[in-house]
PDB file of N, CA and C in Angstrom:
ATOM      1  N   MET A   1     -10.002 -14.354   6.366  1.00  0.00           N
ATOM      2  CA  MET A   1      -9.969 -12.944   6.008  1.00  0.00           C
ATOM      3  C   MET A   1      -8.516 -12.457   6.050  1.00  0.00           C
ATOM      4  N   LEU A   2      -8.050 -11.938   4.953  1.00  0.00           N
ATOM      5  CA  LEU A   2      -6.659 -11.477   4.854  1.00  0.00           C
ATOM      6  C   LEU A   2      -6.513  -9.963   5.045  1.00  0.00           C
ATOM      7  N   LEU A   3      -7.619  -9.256   5.061  1.00  0.00           N
ATOM      8  CA  LEU A   3      -7.607  -7.806   5.219  1.00  0.00           C
ATOM      9  C   LEU A   3      -7.505  -7.485   6.719  1.00  0.00           C
ATOM     10  N   THR A   4      -6.266  -7.576   7.240  1.00  0.00           N
ATOM     11  CA  THR A   4      -6.027  -7.376   8.673  1.00  0.00           C
ATOM     12  C   THR A   4      -4.879  -6.392   8.891  1.00  0.00           C
ATOM     13  N   PRO A   5      -4.823  -5.779  10.062  1.00  0.00           N
ATOM     14  CA  PRO A   5      -3.688  -4.899  10.368  1.00  0.00           C
ATOM     15  C   PRO A   5      -2.340  -5.627  10.303  1.00  0.00           C
ATOM     16  N   THR A   6      -2.307  -6.882  10.713  1.00  0.00           N
ATOM     17  CA  THR A   6      -1.060  -7.658  10.658  1.00  0.00           C
ATOM     18  C   THR A   6      -0.586  -7.817   9.220  1.00  0.00           C
ATOM     19  N   ASN A   7      -1.484  -8.174   8.319  1.00  0.00           N
ATOM     20  CA  ASN A   7      -1.104  -8.325   6.912  1.00  0.00           C
ATOM     21  C   ASN A   7      -0.757  -6.988   6.278  1.00  0.00           C
ATOM     22  N   PHE A   8      -1.430  -5.920   6.703  1.00  0.00           N
ATOM     23  CA  PHE A   8      -1.060  -4.579   6.232  1.00  0.00           C
ATOM     24  C   PHE A   8       0.408  -4.328   6.571  1.00  0.00           C
ATOM     25  N   ALA A   9       0.802  -4.623   7.806  1.00  0.00           N
ATOM     26  CA  ALA A   9       2.186  -4.401   8.241  1.00  0.00           C
ATOM     27  C   ALA A   9       3.160  -5.268   7.455  1.00  0.00           C
ATOM     28  N   VAL A  10       2.801  -6.521   7.170  1.00  0.00           N
ATOM     29  CA  VAL A  10       3.650  -7.419   6.385  1.00  0.00           C
ATOM     30  C   VAL A  10       3.844  -6.858   4.980  1.00  0.00           C
ATOM     31  N   ILE A  11       2.764  -6.418   4.361  1.00  0.00           N
ATOM     32  CA  ILE A  11       2.825  -5.861   3.009  1.00  0.00           C
ATOM     33  C   ILE A  11       3.663  -4.590   2.997  1.00  0.00           C
ATOM     34  N   ARG A  12       3.428  -3.714   3.961  1.00  0.00           N
ATOM     35  CA  ARG A  12       4.188  -2.456   4.046  1.00  0.00           C
ATOM     36  C   ARG A  12       5.682  -2.731   4.173  1.00  0.00           C
ATOM     37  N   GLN A  13       6.058  -3.636   5.061  1.00  0.00           N
ATOM     38  CA  GLN A  13       7.482  -3.950   5.255  1.00  0.00           C
ATOM     39  C   GLN A  13       8.098  -4.550   3.998  1.00  0.00           C
ATOM     40  N   PHE A  14       7.361  -5.390   3.302  1.00  0.00           N
ATOM     41  CA  PHE A  14       7.862  -5.990   2.072  1.00  0.00           C
ATOM     42  C   PHE A  14       8.098  -4.922   1.003  1.00  0.00           C
ATOM     43  N   ILE A  15       7.150  -4.009   0.857  1.00  0.00           N
ATOM     44  CA  ILE A  15       7.313  -2.928  -0.128  1.00  0.00           C
ATOM     45  C   ILE A  15       8.525  -2.075   0.217  1.00  0.00           C
ATOM     46  N   LEU A  16       8.701  -1.741   1.486  1.00  0.00           N
ATOM     47  CA  LEU A  16       9.847  -0.921   1.886  1.00  0.00           C
ATOM     48  C   LEU A  16      11.169  -1.653   1.667  1.00  0.00           C
ATOM     49  N   ARG A  17      11.164  -2.962   1.861  1.00  0.00           N
ATOM     50  CA  ARG A  17      12.395  -3.748   1.732  1.00  0.00           C
ATOM     51  C   ARG A  17      12.693  -4.134   0.285  1.00  0.00           C
ATOM     52  N   GLU A  18      11.669  -4.536  -0.466  1.00  0.00           N
ATOM     53  CA  GLU A  18      11.881  -5.132  -1.790  1.00  0.00           C
ATOM     54  C   GLU A  18      11.406  -4.264  -2.954  1.00  0.00           C
ATOM     55  N   GLY A  19      10.636  -3.240  -2.670  1.00  0.00           N
ATOM     56  CA  GLY A  19      10.078  -2.431  -3.746  1.00  0.00           C
ATOM     57  C   GLY A  19      11.040  -1.360  -4.240  1.00  0.00           C
ATOM     58  N   ASP A  20      10.536  -0.555  -5.145  1.00  0.00           N
ATOM     59  CA  ASP A  20      11.303   0.580  -5.654  1.00  0.00           C
ATOM     60  C   ASP A  20      10.554   1.859  -5.282  1.00  0.00           C
ATOM     61  N   GLN A  21      10.847   2.938  -5.962  1.00  0.00           N
ATOM     62  CA  GLN A  21      10.147   4.196  -5.725  1.00  0.00           C
ATOM     63  C   GLN A  21       9.567   4.685  -7.040  1.00  0.00           C
ATOM     64  N   GLN A  22       8.353   5.193  -6.964  1.00  0.00           N
ATOM     65  CA  GLN A  22       7.688   5.710  -8.151  1.00  0.00           C
ATOM     66  C   GLN A  22       6.641   6.731  -7.696  1.00  0.00           C
ATOM     67  N   THR A  23       6.597   7.841  -8.385  1.00  0.00           N
ATOM     68  CA  THR A  23       5.596   8.861  -8.077  1.00  0.00           C
ATOM     69  C   THR A  23       4.309   8.521  -8.818  1.00  0.00           C
ATOM     70  N   TYR A  24       3.176   8.569  -8.108  1.00  0.00           N
ATOM     71  CA  TYR A  24       1.903   8.266  -8.762  1.00  0.00           C
ATOM     72  C   TYR A  24       0.912   9.431  -8.707  1.00  0.00           C
ATOM     73  N   CYS A  25       1.223  10.465  -7.921  1.00  0.00           N
ATOM     74  CA  CYS A  25       0.304  11.596  -7.808  1.00  0.00           C
ATOM     75  C   CYS A  25       1.098  12.881  -7.570  1.00  0.00           C
ATOM     76  N   ASN A  26       0.428  14.011  -7.658  1.00  0.00           N
ATOM     77  CA  ASN A  26       1.085  15.304  -7.473  1.00  0.00           C
ATOM     78  C   ASN A  26       1.350  15.650  -6.018  1.00  0.00           C
ATOM     79  N   MET A  27       0.815  14.873  -5.094  1.00  0.00           N
ATOM     80  CA  MET A  27       0.935  15.207  -3.677  1.00  0.00           C
ATOM     81  C   MET A  27       2.275  14.793  -3.068  1.00  0.00           C
ATOM     82  N   TYR A  28       2.845  13.709  -3.570  1.00  0.00           N
ATOM     83  CA  TYR A  28       4.086  13.168  -3.021  1.00  0.00           C
ATOM     84  C   TYR A  28       5.038  12.813  -4.159  1.00  0.00           C
ATOM     85  N   ASN A  29       6.310  12.662  -3.806  1.00  0.00           N
ATOM     86  CA  ASN A  29       7.332  12.240  -4.758  1.00  0.00           C
ATOM     87  C   ASN A  29       7.976  10.945  -4.270  1.00  0.00           C
ATOM     88  N   HIS A  30       8.324  10.082  -5.192  1.00  0.00           N
ATOM     89  CA  HIS A  30       9.127   8.894  -4.887  1.00  0.00           C
ATOM     90  C   HIS A  30       8.447   7.956  -3.881  1.00  0.00           C
ATOM     91  N   ASN A  31       7.162   7.693  -4.073  1.00  0.00           N
ATOM     92  CA  ASN A  31       6.453   6.791  -3.164  1.00  0.00           C
ATOM     93  C   ASN A  31       7.073   5.398  -3.214  1.00  0.00           C
ATOM     94  N   PRO A  32       7.199   4.730  -2.059  1.00  0.00           N
ATOM     95  CA  PRO A  32       7.548   3.321  -2.090  1.00  0.00           C
ATOM     96  C   PRO A  32       6.515   2.594  -2.955  1.00  0.00           C
ATOM     97  N   HIS A  33       6.991   1.671  -3.796  1.00  0.00           N
ATOM     98  CA  HIS A  33       6.148   1.085  -4.837  1.00  0.00           C
ATOM     99  C   HIS A  33       6.485  -0.380  -5.043  1.00  0.00           C
ATOM    100  N   LEU A  34       5.468  -1.153  -5.347  1.00  0.00           N
ATOM    101  CA  LEU A  34       5.651  -2.547  -5.747  1.00  0.00           C
ATOM    102  C   LEU A  34       4.797  -2.778  -6.985  1.00  0.00           C
ATOM    103  N   GLY A  35       5.401  -3.272  -8.029  1.00  0.00           N
ATOM    104  CA  GLY A  35       4.689  -3.552  -9.278  1.00  0.00           C
ATOM    105  C   GLY A  35       4.986  -4.958  -9.751  1.00  0.00           C
ATOM    106  N   GLY A  36       4.631  -5.227 -10.985  1.00  0.00           N
ATOM    107  CA  GLY A  36       4.904  -6.524 -11.583  1.00  0.00           C
ATOM    108  C   GLY A  36       3.931  -7.612 -11.181  1.00  0.00           C
ATOM    109  N   LEU A  37       2.809  -7.232 -10.609  1.00  0.00           N
ATOM    110  CA  LEU A  37       1.818  -8.208 -10.164  1.00  0.00           C
ATOM    111  C   LEU A  37       0.522  -8.113 -10.967  1.00  0.00           C
ATOM    112  N   GLY A  38       0.537  -7.306 -12.005  1.00  0.00           N
ATOM    113  CA  GLY A  38      -0.689  -7.023 -12.727  1.00  0.00           C
ATOM    114  C   GLY A  38      -1.402  -5.804 -12.183  1.00  0.00           C
ATOM    115  N   PHE A  39      -0.844  -5.246 -11.125  1.00  0.00           N
ATOM    116  CA  PHE A  39      -1.336  -4.018 -10.521  1.00  0.00           C
ATOM    117  C   PHE A  39      -0.179  -3.381  -9.761  1.00  0.00           C
ATOM    118  N   ASP A  40      -0.323  -2.115  -9.413  1.00  0.00           N
ATOM    119  CA  ASP A  40       0.718  -1.397  -8.682  1.00  0.00           C
ATOM    120  C   ASP A  40       0.230  -1.047  -7.290  1.00  0.00           C
ATOM    121  N   VAL A  41       1.160  -1.074  -6.329  1.00  0.00           N
ATOM    122  CA  VAL A  41       0.853  -0.717  -4.948  1.00  0.00           C
ATOM    123  C   VAL A  41       1.836   0.366  -4.513  1.00  0.00           C
ATOM    124  N   PHE A  42       1.302   1.398  -3.884  1.00  0.00           N
ATOM    125  CA  PHE A  42       2.108   2.517  -3.400  1.00  0.00           C
ATOM    126  C   PHE A  42       1.859   2.716  -1.911  1.00  0.00           C
ATOM    127  N   LEU A  43       2.821   3.320  -1.246  1.00  0.00           N
ATOM    128  CA  LEU A  43       2.646   3.720   0.150  1.00  0.00           C
ATOM    129  C   LEU A  43       2.624   5.238   0.230  1.00  0.00           C
ATOM    130  N   ASP A  44       1.682   5.763   1.016  1.00  0.00           N
ATOM    131  CA  ASP A  44       1.635   7.196   1.296  1.00  0.00           C
ATOM    132  C   ASP A  44       2.166   7.444   2.699  1.00  0.00           C
ATOM    133  N   PRO A  45       2.880   8.552   2.904  1.00  0.00           N
ATOM    134  CA  PRO A  45       3.458   8.843   4.211  1.00  0.00           C
ATOM    135  C   PRO A  45       2.408   9.177   5.260  1.00  0.00           C
ATOM    136  N   ALA A  46       2.675   8.740   6.482  1.00  0.00           N
ATOM    137  CA  ALA A  46       1.761   8.984   7.600  1.00  0.00           C
ATOM    138  C   ALA A  46       1.661  10.460   7.950  1.00  0.00           C
ATOM    139  N   ASP A  47       2.742  11.188   7.751  1.00  0.00           N
ATOM    140  CA  ASP A  47       2.731  12.601   8.125  1.00  0.00           C
ATOM    141  C   ASP A  47       2.491  13.525   6.939  1.00  0.00           C
ATOM    142  N   GLY A  48       1.897  12.973   5.890  1.00  0.00           N
ATOM    143  CA  GLY A  48       1.448  13.772   4.759  1.00  0.00           C
ATOM    144  C   GLY A  48       2.540  14.587   4.105  1.00  0.00           C
ATOM    145  N   GLN A  49       2.229  15.839   3.816  1.00  0.00           N
ATOM    146  CA  GLN A  49       3.129  16.715   3.071  1.00  0.00           C
ATOM    147  C   GLN A  49       4.428  17.037   3.819  1.00  0.00           C
ATOM    148  N   LYS A  50       4.489  16.750   5.111  1.00  0.00           N
ATOM    149  CA  LYS A  50       5.750  16.944   5.842  1.00  0.00           C
ATOM    150  C   LYS A  50       6.828  15.992   5.324  1.00  0.00           C
ATOM    151  N   ASN A  51       6.395  14.927   4.690  1.00  0.00           N
ATOM    152  CA  ASN A  51       7.315  13.945   4.105  1.00  0.00           C
ATOM    153  C   ASN A  51       7.002  13.827   2.612  1.00  0.00           C
ATOM    154  N   ILE A  52       7.021  14.948   1.932  1.00  0.00           N
ATOM    155  CA  ILE A  52       6.626  15.019   0.521  1.00  0.00           C
ATOM    156  C   ILE A  52       7.469  14.113  -0.377  1.00  0.00           C
ATOM    157  N   ASN A  53       8.716  13.838   0.018  1.00  0.00           N
ATOM    158  CA  ASN A  53       9.588  12.976  -0.782  1.00  0.00           C
ATOM    159  C   ASN A  53       9.577  11.517  -0.327  1.00  0.00           C
ATOM    160  N   CYS A  54       8.646  11.177   0.565  1.00  0.00           N
ATOM    161  CA  CYS A  54       8.431   9.782   0.986  1.00  0.00           C
ATOM    162  C   CYS A  54       9.716   9.114   1.472  1.00  0.00           C
ATOM    163  N   ASP A  55      10.444   9.803   2.303  1.00  0.00           N
ATOM    164  CA  ASP A  55      11.696   9.292   2.844  1.00  0.00           C
ATOM    165  C   ASP A  55      11.406   8.460   4.094  1.00  0.00           C
ATOM    166  N   PRO A  56      11.701   7.146   4.092  1.00  0.00           N
ATOM    167  CA  PRO A  56      11.452   6.314   5.266  1.00  0.00           C
ATOM    168  C   PRO A  56      12.190   6.795   6.520  1.00  0.00           C
ATOM    169  N   ALA A  57      13.293   7.499   6.347  1.00  0.00           N
ATOM    170  CA  ALA A  57      14.033   8.012   7.498  1.00  0.00           C
ATOM    171  C   ALA A  57      13.292   9.174   8.173  1.00  0.00           C
ATOM    172  N   VAL A  58      12.398   9.821   7.445  1.00  0.00           N
ATOM    173  CA  VAL A  58      11.657  10.972   7.974  1.00  0.00           C
ATOM    174  C   VAL A  58      10.407  10.526   8.725  1.00  0.00           C
ATOM    175  N   GLY A  59       9.747   9.489   8.246  1.00  0.00           N
ATOM    176  CA  GLY A  59       8.520   9.045   8.897  1.00  0.00           C
ATOM    177  C   GLY A  59       8.001   7.757   8.305  1.00  0.00           C
ATOM    178  N   GLY A  60       6.936   7.269   8.921  1.00  0.00           N
ATOM    179  CA  GLY A  60       6.343   6.007   8.505  1.00  0.00           C
ATOM    180  C   GLY A  60       5.324   6.166   7.397  1.00  0.00           C
ATOM    181  N   PHE A  61       4.702   5.053   7.053  1.00  0.00           N
ATOM    182  CA  PHE A  61       3.712   5.008   5.987  1.00  0.00           C
ATOM    183  C   PHE A  61       2.468   4.310   6.507  1.00  0.00           C
ATOM    184  N   ASP A  62       1.330   4.987   6.430  1.00  0.00           N
ATOM    185  CA  ASP A  62       0.106   4.438   6.998  1.00  0.00           C
ATOM    186  C   ASP A  62      -0.981   4.130   5.976  1.00  0.00           C
ATOM    187  N   THR A  63      -0.711   4.378   4.694  1.00  0.00           N
ATOM    188  CA  THR A  63      -1.737   4.163   3.676  1.00  0.00           C
ATOM    189  C   THR A  63      -1.178   3.366   2.505  1.00  0.00           C
ATOM    190  N   LEU A  64      -1.886   2.280   2.154  1.00  0.00           N
ATOM    191  CA  LEU A  64      -1.604   1.518   0.939  1.00  0.00           C
ATOM    192  C   LEU A  64      -2.548   2.014  -0.135  1.00  0.00           C
ATOM    193  N   VAL A  65      -2.008   2.310  -1.290  1.00  0.00           N
ATOM    194  CA  VAL A  65      -2.809   2.742  -2.433  1.00  0.00           C
ATOM    195  C   VAL A  65      -2.599   1.722  -3.543  1.00  0.00           C
ATOM    196  N   ILE A  66      -3.685   1.098  -3.975  1.00  0.00           N
ATOM    197  CA  ILE A  66      -3.615   0.093  -5.029  1.00  0.00           C
ATOM    198  C   ILE A  66      -4.228   0.684  -6.284  1.00  0.00           C
ATOM    199  N   ALA A  67      -3.432   0.733  -7.337  1.00  0.00           N
ATOM    200  CA  ALA A  67      -3.927   1.211  -8.626  1.00  0.00           C
ATOM    201  C   ALA A  67      -4.615   0.038  -9.315  1.00  0.00           C
ATOM    202  N   ASP A  68      -5.925   0.046  -9.291  1.00  0.00           N
ATOM    203  CA  ASP A  68      -6.713  -1.057  -9.821  1.00  0.00           C
ATOM    204  C   ASP A  68      -6.820  -0.954 -11.339  1.00  0.00           C
ATOM    205  N   PRO A  69      -6.240  -1.906 -12.080  1.00  0.00           N
ATOM    206  CA  PRO A  69      -6.255  -1.824 -13.542  1.00  0.00           C
ATOM    207  C   PRO A  69      -7.618  -2.149 -14.155  1.00  0.00           C
ATOM    208  N   ARG A  70      -8.571  -2.564 -13.325  1.00  0.00           N
ATOM    209  CA  ARG A  70      -9.887  -2.946 -13.842  1.00  0.00           C
ATOM    210  C   ARG A  70     -10.863  -1.765 -13.894  1.00  0.00           C
ATOM    211  N   GLY A  71     -10.326  -0.561 -13.731  1.00  0.00           N
ATOM    212  CA  GLY A  71     -11.164   0.617 -13.899  1.00  0.00           C
ATOM    213  C   GLY A  71     -11.782   1.172 -12.638  1.00  0.00           C
ATOM    214  N   ASN A  72     -11.367   0.698 -11.470  1.00  0.00           N
ATOM    215  CA  ASN A  72     -11.906   1.208 -10.216  1.00  0.00           C
ATOM    216  C   ASN A  72     -11.083   2.355  -9.648  1.00  0.00           C
ATOM    217  N   GLY A  73     -10.096   2.829 -10.400  1.00  0.00           N
ATOM    218  CA  GLY A  73      -9.243   3.909  -9.907  1.00  0.00           C
ATOM    219  C   GLY A  73      -8.300   3.418  -8.829  1.00  0.00           C
ATOM    220  N   ASN A  74      -7.945   4.300  -7.913  1.00  0.00           N
ATOM    221  CA  ASN A  74      -7.076   3.940  -6.804  1.00  0.00           C
ATOM    222  C   ASN A  74      -7.918   3.522  -5.607  1.00  0.00           C
ATOM    223  N   VAL A  75      -7.546   2.400  -5.017  1.00  0.00           N
ATOM    224  CA  VAL A  75      -8.226   1.860  -3.847  1.00  0.00           C
ATOM    225  C   VAL A  75      -7.291   2.054  -2.664  1.00  0.00           C
ATOM    226  N   ARG A  76      -7.807   2.629  -1.570  1.00  0.00           N
ATOM    227  CA  ARG A  76      -6.959   2.968  -0.427  1.00  0.00           C
ATOM    228  C   ARG A  76      -7.391   2.230   0.830  1.00  0.00           C
ATOM    229  N   VAL A  77      -6.391   1.893   1.634  1.00  0.00           N
ATOM    230  CA  VAL A  77      -6.636   1.374   2.973  1.00  0.00           C
ATOM    231  C   VAL A  77      -5.594   2.009   3.888  1.00  0.00           C
ATOM    232  N   ARG A  78      -6.059   2.520   5.039  1.00  0.00           N
ATOM    233  CA  ARG A  78      -5.180   3.221   5.975  1.00  0.00           C
ATOM    234  C   ARG A  78      -5.183   2.494   7.312  1.00  0.00           C
ATOM    235  N   LEU A  79      -4.003   2.374   7.908  1.00  0.00           N
ATOM    236  CA  LEU A  79      -3.852   1.770   9.225  1.00  0.00           C
ATOM    237  C   LEU A  79      -3.727   2.875  10.259  1.00  0.00           C
ATOM    238  N   ASP A  80      -4.611   2.844  11.253  1.00  0.00           N
ATOM    239  CA  ASP A  80      -4.608   3.856  12.310  1.00  0.00           C
ATOM    240  C   ASP A  80      -4.898   3.166  13.639  1.00  0.00           C
ATOM    241  N   ALA A  81      -3.931   3.207  14.523  1.00  0.00           N
ATOM    242  CA  ALA A  81      -4.099   2.618  15.862  1.00  0.00           C
ATOM    243  C   ALA A  81      -4.599   1.164  15.794  1.00  0.00           C
ATOM    244  N   ALA A  82      -3.924   0.371  15.001  1.00  0.00           N
ATOM    245  CA  ALA A  82      -4.209  -1.063  14.857  1.00  0.00           C
ATOM    246  C   ALA A  82      -5.591  -1.348  14.272  1.00  0.00           C
ATOM    247  N   LYS A  83      -6.157  -0.385  13.543  1.00  0.00           N
ATOM    248  CA  LYS A  83      -7.436  -0.582  12.875  1.00  0.00           C
ATOM    249  C   LYS A  83      -7.318  -0.117  11.432  1.00  0.00           C
ATOM    250  N   LEU A  84      -7.900  -0.894  10.509  1.00  0.00           N
ATOM    251  CA  LEU A  84      -7.889  -0.527   9.098  1.00  0.00           C
ATOM    252  C   LEU A  84      -9.108   0.316   8.760  1.00  0.00           C
ATOM    253  N   HIS A  85      -8.879   1.324   7.922  1.00  0.00           N
ATOM    254  CA  HIS A  85      -9.959   2.195   7.461  1.00  0.00           C
ATOM    255  C   HIS A  85     -10.003   2.144   5.938  1.00  0.00           C
ATOM    256  N   PHE A  86     -11.193   1.891   5.401  1.00  0.00           N
ATOM    257  CA  PHE A  86     -11.385   1.815   3.961  1.00  0.00           C
ATOM    258  C   PHE A  86     -12.875   1.975   3.685  1.00  0.00           C
ATOM    259  N   LYS A  87     -13.190   2.216   2.421  1.00  0.00           N
ATOM    260  CA  LYS A  87     -14.599   2.300   2.022  1.00  0.00           C
ATOM    261  C   LYS A  87     -15.209   0.904   2.080  1.00  0.00           C
ATOM    262  N   SER A  88     -16.333   0.775   2.731  1.00  0.00           N
ATOM    263  CA  SER A  88     -16.961  -0.545   2.851  1.00  0.00           C
ATOM    264  C   SER A  88     -17.289  -1.142   1.481  1.00  0.00           C
ATOM    265  N   SER A  89     -17.566  -0.300   0.510  1.00  0.00           N
ATOM    266  CA  SER A  89     -17.865  -0.785  -0.842  1.00  0.00           C
ATOM    267  C   SER A  89     -16.641  -1.394  -1.528  1.00  0.00           C
ATOM    268  N   GLU A  90     -15.448  -1.153  -0.985  1.00  0.00           N
ATOM    269  CA  GLU A  90     -14.209  -1.674  -1.580  1.00  0.00           C
ATOM    270  C   GLU A  90     -13.631  -2.862  -0.811  1.00  0.00           C
ATOM    271  N   LYS A  91     -14.351  -3.356   0.183  1.00  0.00           N
ATOM    272  CA  LYS A  91     -13.829  -4.435   1.021  1.00  0.00           C
ATOM    273  C   LYS A  91     -13.464  -5.683   0.211  1.00  0.00           C
ATOM    274  N   ASP A  92     -14.362  -6.145  -0.663  1.00  0.00           N
ATOM    275  CA  ASP A  92     -14.084  -7.359  -1.447  1.00  0.00           C
ATOM    276  C   ASP A  92     -12.889  -7.152  -2.371  1.00  0.00           C
ATOM    277  N   LEU A  93     -12.790  -5.979  -2.969  1.00  0.00           N
ATOM    278  CA  LEU A  93     -11.659  -5.665  -3.844  1.00  0.00           C
ATOM    279  C   LEU A  93     -10.350  -5.656  -3.051  1.00  0.00           C
ATOM    280  N   LEU A  94     -10.365  -5.075  -1.868  1.00  0.00           N
ATOM    281  CA  LEU A  94      -9.165  -5.058  -1.018  1.00  0.00           C
ATOM    282  C   LEU A  94      -8.795  -6.464  -0.565  1.00  0.00           C
ATOM    283  N   GLU A  95      -9.782  -7.287  -0.245  1.00  0.00           N
ATOM    284  CA  GLU A  95      -9.506  -8.693   0.118  1.00  0.00           C
ATOM    285  C   GLU A  95      -8.789  -9.407  -1.026  1.00  0.00           C
ATOM    286  N   TYR A  96      -9.251  -9.181  -2.246  1.00  0.00           N
ATOM    287  CA  TYR A  96      -8.617  -9.782  -3.425  1.00  0.00           C
ATOM    288  C   TYR A  96      -7.155  -9.359  -3.526  1.00  0.00           C
ATOM    289  N   TYR A  97      -6.892  -8.064  -3.406  1.00  0.00           N
ATOM    290  CA  TYR A  97      -5.521  -7.570  -3.534  1.00  0.00           C
ATOM    291  C   TYR A  97      -4.647  -8.004  -2.360  1.00  0.00           C
ATOM    292  N   PHE A  98      -5.171  -8.007  -1.151  1.00  0.00           N
ATOM    293  CA  PHE A  98      -4.386  -8.477  -0.012  1.00  0.00           C
ATOM    294  C   PHE A  98      -4.023  -9.949  -0.199  1.00  0.00           C
ATOM    295  N   ALA A  99      -4.950 -10.759  -0.700  1.00  0.00           N
ATOM    296  CA  ALA A  99      -4.649 -12.176  -0.948  1.00  0.00           C
ATOM    297  C   ALA A  99      -3.532 -12.318  -1.975  1.00  0.00           C
ATOM    298  N   ALA A 100      -3.608 -11.537  -3.054  1.00  0.00           N
ATOM    299  CA  ALA A 100      -2.563 -11.592  -4.085  1.00  0.00           C
ATOM    300  C   ALA A 100      -1.217 -11.145  -3.526  1.00  0.00           C
ATOM    301  N   LEU A 101      -1.221 -10.098  -2.730  1.00  0.00           N
ATOM    302  CA  LEU A 101       0.039  -9.597  -2.164  1.00  0.00           C
ATOM    303  C   LEU A 101       0.640 -10.571  -1.161  1.00  0.00           C
ATOM    304  N   ILE A 102      -0.172 -11.118  -0.276  1.00  0.00           N
ATOM    305  CA  ILE A 102       0.345 -12.077   0.717  1.00  0.00           C
ATOM    306  C   ILE A 102       0.866 -13.333   0.017  1.00  0.00           C
ATOM    307  N   SER A 103       0.186 -13.778  -1.028  1.00  0.00           N
ATOM    308  CA  SER A 103       0.678 -14.925  -1.802  1.00  0.00           C
ATOM    309  C   SER A 103       2.025 -14.611  -2.444  1.00  0.00           C
ATOM    310  N   HIS A 104       2.152 -13.451  -3.043  1.00  0.00           N
ATOM    311  CA  HIS A 104       3.416 -13.033  -3.663  1.00  0.00           C
ATOM    312  C   HIS A 104       4.534 -12.986  -2.617  1.00  0.00           C
ATOM    313  N   ILE A 105       4.248 -12.399  -1.487  1.00  0.00           N
ATOM    314  CA  ILE A 105       5.264 -12.275  -0.427  1.00  0.00           C
ATOM    315  C   ILE A 105       5.671 -13.658   0.077  1.00  0.00           C
ATOM    316  N   SER A 106       4.715 -14.551   0.244  1.00  0.00           N
ATOM    317  CA  SER A 106       5.025 -15.915   0.705  1.00  0.00           C
ATOM    318  C   SER A 106       5.931 -16.651  -0.273  1.00  0.00           C
ATOM    319  N   GLN A 107       5.705 -16.450  -1.557  1.00  0.00           N
ATOM    320  CA  GLN A 107       6.525 -17.100  -2.573  1.00  0.00           C
ATOM    321  C   GLN A 107       7.918 -16.470  -2.668  1.00  0.00           C
ATOM    322  N   ALA A 108       8.004 -15.179  -2.374  1.00  0.00           N
ATOM    323  CA  ALA A 108       9.274 -14.460  -2.511  1.00  0.00           C
ATOM    324  C   ALA A 108      10.199 -14.637  -1.314  1.00  0.00           C
ATOM    325  N   THR A 109       9.644 -15.081  -0.185  1.00  0.00           N
ATOM    326  CA  THR A 109      10.478 -15.220   1.023  1.00  0.00           C
ATOM    327  C   THR A 109      10.704 -16.651   1.390  1.00  0.00           C
TER     328      THR A 109
END
C-alpha cells in the first residue's frame, strides 16, 4: 500500500523542491504544482486563506489535489496528525496516483 503519510510527505517535499507554481482554483494563487505525468498535482496550504498566495515561507501544505484527467474531477487527500483523510470511494484512485508519483520520484532522484 503506497497511500501512507510517509509517502504523502515524500511527494509534498518533491513538489516543493522540484515543481513549479500554478493556480488551479479561485481560492488560492500560485499553488505548488507538479505536471508532466499525464495528470497534475497541486498542494493546498494548511492555513487556508491566510496563505492565499501559497508561500512556503508563510506556512505548510497539508492537502494534495490531483486533477484526474479521466473525468473524476479533483481528487483530494489531506494529512492531519500523521493520518490521511480522503473519500473512501477514491481510495483505489489515490493508490494509483501515489504509485505513479512515487515511481516518478524514484526515477528522478
